[in-house]
């Protein structure tokens, strides 16, 4: 029996075969739990996380908005951190999730914040 988690893991591995982040163009990785959403800018060459943001950050968690709106705020937060690091281009890694709802909101927030992908 293939569960949702196993299906997502297979998709994630299939996508990660092709997507690799570098220091010039890091990977914007998204993880979505039932209640929170987390994003990281990852340089796969040196295996380092350059920046991260989540819906648990104090300024985002304090706002009483829907989960999709929090996703948009998280996307904007990671875009601000990326611009501070001098990064504009990233590779979006949806982490095996459908490009819909909160994942799409993160992408839209990051694009509005100035990231290109």
Protein backbone atom coordinates (compact mmCIF):
# COMPACT_ATOMS: atom_id res chain seq x y z
CA UNK A 1 0.00 0.00 0.00
CA UNK A 2 1.43 3.36 -1.04
CA UNK A 3 0.67 6.04 1.52
CA UNK A 4 0.62 9.77 0.91
CA UNK A 5 4.00 10.15 2.62
CA UNK A 6 5.65 7.46 0.47
CA UNK A 7 4.18 8.97 -2.70
CA UNK A 8 5.49 12.41 -1.73
CA UNK A 9 8.92 10.97 -0.92
CA UNK A 10 9.14 9.34 -4.38
CA UNK A 11 8.19 12.62 -6.07
CA UNK A 12 10.72 14.47 -3.92
CA UNK A 13 13.55 12.11 -4.89
CA UNK A 14 12.59 12.26 -8.58
CA UNK A 15 12.63 16.07 -8.56
CA UNK A 16 15.87 16.29 -6.52
CA UNK A 17 17.72 14.26 -9.17
CA UNK A 18 17.42 17.27 -11.47
CA UNK A 19 17.40 20.23 -9.05
CA UNK A 20 20.72 21.25 -7.50
CA UNK A 21 21.36 24.52 -5.69
CA UNK A 22 24.68 26.35 -5.96
CA UNK A 23 26.12 29.29 -4.04
CA UNK A 24 25.21 31.60 -6.95
CA UNK A 25 21.73 30.09 -7.39
CA UNK A 26 20.61 28.28 -4.21
CA UNK A 27 17.67 25.93 -3.90
CA UNK A 28 14.55 27.37 -2.21
CA UNK A 29 13.26 24.29 -0.39
CA UNK A 30 9.73 24.20 1.05
CA UNK A 31 8.50 21.97 3.88
CA UNK A 32 4.86 22.02 4.82
CA UNK A 33 3.51 20.47 8.02
CA UNK A 34 -0.14 20.43 9.01
CA UNK A 35 0.14 23.71 10.92
CA UNK A 36 3.39 25.42 9.86
CA UNK A 37 5.45 26.08 6.73
CA UNK A 38 9.24 26.30 6.54
CA UNK A 39 11.56 27.45 3.73
CA UNK A 40 15.33 27.31 3.36
CA UNK A 41 17.88 28.61 0.89
CA UNK A 42 20.30 25.72 0.42
CA UNK A 43 23.70 25.58 -1.30
CA UNK A 44 23.97 21.91 -2.25
CA UNK A 45 27.62 22.23 -3.36
CA UNK A 46 28.81 23.01 0.18
CA UNK A 47 25.77 21.40 1.88
CA UNK A 48 24.95 24.58 3.82
CA UNK A 49 21.75 26.41 4.60
CA UNK A 50 22.23 30.06 3.66
CA UNK A 51 18.98 31.41 5.12
CA UNK A 52 15.70 30.14 6.49
CA UNK A 53 12.26 31.41 7.42
CA UNK A 54 9.16 29.83 8.86
CA UNK A 55 5.66 30.60 10.02
CA UNK A 56 7.00 30.18 13.58
CA UNK A 57 9.05 33.40 13.30
CA UNK A 58 7.80 35.88 15.91
CA UNK A 59 6.63 38.58 13.49
CA UNK A 60 4.71 36.07 11.33
CA UNK A 61 3.29 33.94 14.17
CA UNK A 62 1.92 37.04 15.89
CA UNK A 63 -0.38 37.78 12.94
CA UNK A 64 -3.78 36.12 13.00
CA UNK A 65 -4.20 35.21 9.32
CA UNK A 66 -4.94 32.05 7.35
CA UNK A 67 -2.25 29.45 6.65
CA UNK A 68 -2.04 30.48 2.98
CA UNK A 69 -1.54 34.13 3.95
CA UNK A 70 1.18 33.03 6.40
CA UNK A 71 2.80 31.19 3.50
CA UNK A 72 2.91 34.42 1.53
CA UNK A 73 4.50 36.21 4.51
CA UNK A 74 7.11 33.44 4.83
CA UNK A 75 7.92 33.80 1.11
CA UNK A 76 8.39 37.54 1.54
CA UNK A 77 10.59 36.97 4.61
CA UNK A 78 12.92 34.57 2.78
CA UNK A 79 13.09 37.00 -0.15
CA UNK A 80 14.22 39.79 2.21
CA UNK A 81 16.93 37.55 3.67
CA UNK A 82 18.07 36.48 0.20
CA UNK A 83 18.32 40.07 -1.01
CA UNK A 84 20.40 40.92 2.09
CA UNK A 85 22.77 38.09 1.09
CA UNK A 86 22.93 39.50 -2.45
CA UNK A 87 20.94 36.69 -4.05
CA UNK A 88 18.26 37.22 -6.69
CA UNK A 89 18.08 33.95 -8.62
CA UNK A 90 16.95 30.77 -6.87
CA UNK A 91 15.70 27.35 -7.89
CA UNK A 92 12.28 26.54 -6.42
CA UNK A 93 11.98 23.09 -4.84
CA UNK A 94 8.39 22.35 -3.89
CA UNK A 95 9.48 19.29 -1.92
CA UNK A 96 7.07 16.83 -3.51
CA UNK A 97 4.03 18.94 -2.70
CA UNK A 98 1.58 20.12 -5.33
CA UNK A 99 2.14 23.68 -6.52
CA UNK A 100 -1.11 24.78 -4.92
CA UNK A 101 -2.32 26.51 -1.77
CA UNK A 102 0.40 27.28 0.77
CA UNK A 103 3.27 26.19 -1.48
CA UNK A 104 2.03 28.49 -4.24
CA UNK A 105 1.58 31.30 -1.70
CA UNK A 106 5.22 30.95 -0.62
CA UNK A 107 6.34 31.18 -4.25
CA UNK A 108 4.18 34.27 -4.89
CA UNK A 109 5.47 35.97 -1.72
CA UNK A 110 9.07 35.26 -2.71
CA UNK A 111 8.52 36.61 -6.22
CA UNK A 112 6.92 39.78 -4.86
CA UNK A 113 9.92 40.12 -2.53
CA UNK A 114 12.26 40.25 -5.53
CA UNK A 115 13.38 36.65 -6.12
CA UNK A 116 13.52 35.25 -9.64
CA UNK A 117 12.75 31.61 -10.42
